[in-house]
Amino acid sequence: MRKLFNYFLNGFLIVAPVGLTIYILFATIRWLDGLFRMDNVPPGIGLLTAIVLLTVVGFIAKSFMVRPFLIIAERVLHRTPLVSIIYSSLKDLFDAFVGDNQKFNCPVVMCVNPEAKIFKMGFVTQENMEPANRPDLVAVYCPHSYNFSGELFLVPKENVTFLELPSSEVMKFVVSGGVSRL
């Protein structure tokens, strides 16, 4: 009976990640198809439409004639009460991952407790804390494992060791709880 249970667990560990990945992809494609009201077309046309639309918007946004209108629209969004909080938070979040000002591109190991030799991996998001009157500190963001949250620590620069590793690998390592390989 124990062997059967172990076979079941092994099968589950193989099928679950693959099955969930496929489910999430199909659910996203179905959602996009429904978003563009494409019920009577082959699956995936909504995804293709979204990719084309985003590419066209990106192309138009790079145009020197459209740029001033985008700047004005962004200023309006930043000055509108309540909307500014939502917009600026989302914009900063997206910029941190994919924008020109990516913030998670400097992985570090920081010493949290020197006596117990406890370390934590994270990403330097600000190297200058002068605005907080603490030029001796750096801002280190530490994502939580298996979660879309994290903590921000302000630590002395000497407690931070910069890593010569790809940021994506360090993020995967931290988010996986140290299970994936570096």
Protein backbone atom coordinates (compact mmCIF):
# COMPACT_ATOMS: atom_id res chain seq x y z
CA MET A 1 0.00 0.00 0.00
CA ARG A 2 2.87 2.36 0.83
CA LYS A 3 4.45 1.76 -2.61
CA LEU A 4 1.16 2.60 -4.32
CA PHE A 5 0.93 5.82 -2.35
CA ASN A 6 4.52 6.74 -3.31
CA TYR A 7 3.71 6.05 -6.98
CA PHE A 8 0.67 8.28 -6.64
CA LEU A 9 2.78 11.09 -5.10
CA ASN A 10 5.43 10.76 -7.83
CA GLY A 11 2.75 10.93 -10.50
CA PHE A 12 1.18 13.93 -8.80
CA LEU A 13 4.52 15.76 -8.62
CA ILE A 14 5.00 15.22 -12.35
CA VAL A 15 1.46 15.92 -13.57
CA ALA A 16 0.42 18.79 -11.26
CA PRO A 17 2.92 21.46 -12.42
CA VAL A 18 2.41 20.52 -16.09
CA GLY A 19 -1.36 20.38 -15.72
CA LEU A 20 -1.58 23.68 -13.85
CA THR A 21 0.67 25.40 -16.39
CA ILE A 22 -1.48 24.16 -19.28
CA TYR A 23 -4.66 25.12 -17.41
CA ILE A 24 -3.39 28.65 -16.71
CA LEU A 25 -2.35 29.10 -20.35
CA PHE A 26 -5.71 27.87 -21.67
CA ALA A 27 -7.63 29.94 -19.11
CA THR A 28 -5.68 33.03 -20.18
CA ILE A 29 -6.34 32.32 -23.86
CA ARG A 30 -10.05 31.72 -23.15
CA TRP A 31 -10.21 34.94 -21.11
CA LEU A 32 -8.56 36.94 -23.92
CA ASP A 33 -10.88 35.37 -26.51
CA GLY A 34 -13.85 36.38 -24.37
CA LEU A 35 -12.41 39.85 -23.80
CA PHE A 36 -12.36 40.48 -27.54
CA ARG A 37 -15.73 38.70 -27.98
CA MET A 38 -14.29 36.05 -30.24
CA ASP A 39 -16.53 33.13 -29.35
CA ASN A 40 -16.91 31.66 -32.85
CA VAL A 41 -13.26 31.68 -33.86
CA PRO A 42 -10.46 29.20 -33.15
CA PRO A 43 -8.94 29.43 -29.66
CA GLY A 44 -5.95 31.69 -29.45
CA ILE A 45 -7.16 34.41 -31.79
CA GLY A 46 -7.79 36.63 -28.74
CA LEU A 47 -4.19 36.11 -27.64
CA LEU A 48 -2.94 36.89 -31.14
CA THR A 49 -5.17 39.99 -31.26
CA ALA A 50 -3.82 41.17 -27.87
CA ILE A 51 -0.21 40.70 -29.02
CA VAL A 52 -0.86 42.61 -32.25
CA LEU A 53 -2.72 45.42 -30.43
CA LEU A 54 0.02 45.80 -27.80
CA THR A 55 2.69 45.86 -30.51
CA VAL A 56 0.78 48.51 -32.49
CA VAL A 57 0.28 50.61 -29.34
CA GLY A 58 4.00 50.30 -28.56
CA PHE A 59 4.90 51.34 -32.10
CA ILE A 60 2.56 54.33 -32.01
CA ALA A 61 3.78 55.33 -28.54
CA LYS A 62 7.35 55.55 -29.84
CA SER A 63 6.23 58.07 -32.46
CA PHE A 64 7.53 61.56 -31.75
CA MET A 65 4.10 63.02 -32.53
CA VAL A 66 2.24 60.90 -29.95
CA ARG A 67 4.84 61.20 -27.17
CA PRO A 68 3.70 64.68 -25.95
CA PHE A 69 0.10 63.44 -25.60
CA LEU A 70 1.27 60.46 -23.54
CA ILE A 71 3.27 62.76 -21.26
CA ILE A 72 0.23 65.02 -20.75
CA ALA A 73 -2.04 62.02 -20.09
CA GLU A 74 0.45 60.65 -17.55
CA ARG A 75 0.61 64.03 -15.77
CA VAL A 76 -3.19 64.09 -15.53
CA LEU A 77 -3.20 60.55 -14.09
CA HIS A 78 -0.51 61.51 -11.56
CA ARG A 79 -2.50 64.57 -10.42
CA THR A 80 -5.92 62.96 -10.13
CA PRO A 81 -6.74 62.02 -6.53
CA LEU A 82 -7.05 58.29 -5.84
CA VAL A 83 -6.29 57.48 -9.49
CA SER A 84 -2.72 58.73 -8.96
CA ILE A 85 -2.13 56.23 -6.14
CA ILE A 86 -3.36 53.29 -8.20
CA TYR A 87 -1.70 54.38 -11.45
CA SER A 88 1.69 55.28 -9.99
CA SER A 89 1.84 52.06 -7.94
CA LEU A 90 1.02 49.89 -10.95
CA LYS A 91 3.36 51.83 -13.23
CA ASP A 92 6.23 51.49 -10.76
CA LEU A 93 5.51 47.76 -10.36
CA PHE A 94 5.52 47.13 -14.11
CA ASP A 95 8.59 49.33 -14.62
CA ALA A 96 10.41 47.40 -11.89
CA PHE A 97 10.07 44.17 -13.88
CA VAL A 98 10.09 45.15 -17.57
CA GLY A 99 10.65 48.88 -18.01
CA ASP A 100 13.76 50.86 -18.79
CA ASN A 101 14.26 51.35 -15.04
CA GLN A 102 14.18 47.72 -13.94
CA LYS A 103 14.65 47.48 -10.19
CA PHE A 104 15.18 43.76 -9.72
CA ASN A 105 18.45 43.59 -11.63
CA CYS A 106 20.88 43.75 -8.70
CA PRO A 107 20.70 40.52 -6.65
CA VAL A 108 22.40 40.47 -3.26
CA VAL A 109 22.90 38.37 -0.17
CA MET A 110 22.53 40.34 3.03
CA CYS A 111 23.50 39.42 6.54
CA VAL A 112 20.42 39.62 8.74
CA ASN A 113 21.98 38.29 11.92
CA PRO A 114 25.80 38.26 12.12
CA GLU A 115 25.93 36.33 15.41
CA ALA A 116 23.80 33.47 14.11
CA LYS A 117 25.22 33.84 10.57
CA ILE A 118 21.76 34.18 9.00
CA PHE A 119 21.58 35.53 5.47
CA LYS A 120 18.74 36.50 3.15
CA MET A 121 18.67 36.92 -0.63
CA GLY A 122 17.09 39.94 -2.23
CA PHE A 123 17.48 42.77 -4.72
CA VAL A 124 18.89 46.26 -4.16
CA THR A 125 16.17 48.67 -5.29
CA GLN A 126 17.76 51.92 -4.06
CA GLU A 127 21.47 52.39 -3.47
CA ASN A 128 21.08 55.89 -2.08
CA MET A 129 18.88 56.47 0.98
CA GLU A 130 19.92 60.12 1.30
CA PRO A 131 16.26 61.27 1.06
CA ALA A 132 15.64 59.33 4.30
CA ASN A 133 18.75 60.95 5.85
CA ARG A 134 20.49 57.56 5.87
CA PRO A 135 23.20 57.58 3.16
CA ASP A 136 24.81 54.59 4.88
CA LEU A 137 21.84 52.34 4.03
CA VAL A 138 20.63 50.62 0.86
CA ALA A 139 17.08 49.40 0.14
CA VAL A 140 16.92 45.63 -0.34
CA TYR A 141 13.66 43.98 -1.44
CA CYS A 142 13.26 40.35 -0.40
CA PRO A 143 10.38 38.53 -2.12
CA HIS A 144 8.54 35.84 -0.19
CA SER A 145 8.62 32.25 -1.33
CA TYR A 146 5.55 30.98 -3.22
CA ASN A 147 3.84 34.34 -2.89
CA PHE A 148 3.50 37.67 -4.65
CA SER A 149 4.63 39.68 -1.68
CA GLY A 150 7.86 40.55 0.03
CA GLU A 151 9.62 42.78 2.54
CA LEU A 152 11.80 45.82 2.12
CA PHE A 153 14.83 46.10 4.39
CA LEU A 154 17.12 49.08 4.86
CA VAL A 155 20.48 47.61 5.75
CA PRO A 156 24.03 48.92 6.13
CA LYS A 157 25.97 48.67 2.88
CA GLU A 158 28.63 46.50 4.53
CA ASN A 159 25.97 43.84 5.23
CA VAL A 160 25.24 43.43 1.52
CA THR A 161 27.19 41.22 -0.87
CA PHE A 162 26.45 41.74 -4.56
CA LEU A 163 25.97 38.55 -6.56
CA GLU A 164 27.31 37.89 -10.04
CA LEU A 165 24.22 35.90 -11.00
CA PRO A 166 21.34 36.55 -13.41
CA SER A 167 18.50 38.34 -11.62
CA SER A 168 15.90 35.99 -13.10
CA GLU A 169 17.69 32.96 -11.61
CA VAL A 170 17.94 34.58 -8.17
CA MET A 171 14.24 35.57 -8.28
CA LYS A 172 13.29 32.02 -9.27
CA PHE A 173 15.46 30.64 -6.47
CA VAL A 174 13.95 32.94 -3.82
CA VAL A 175 10.33 32.56 -4.95
CA SER A 176 10.69 28.78 -5.12
CA GLY A 177 11.81 28.77 -1.49
CA GLY A 178 15.33 27.72 -2.49
CA VAL A 179 14.10 24.62 -4.29
CA SER A 180 15.21 25.59 -7.81
CA ARG A 181 18.91 25.58 -8.59
CA LEU A 182 21.01 28.73 -8.91
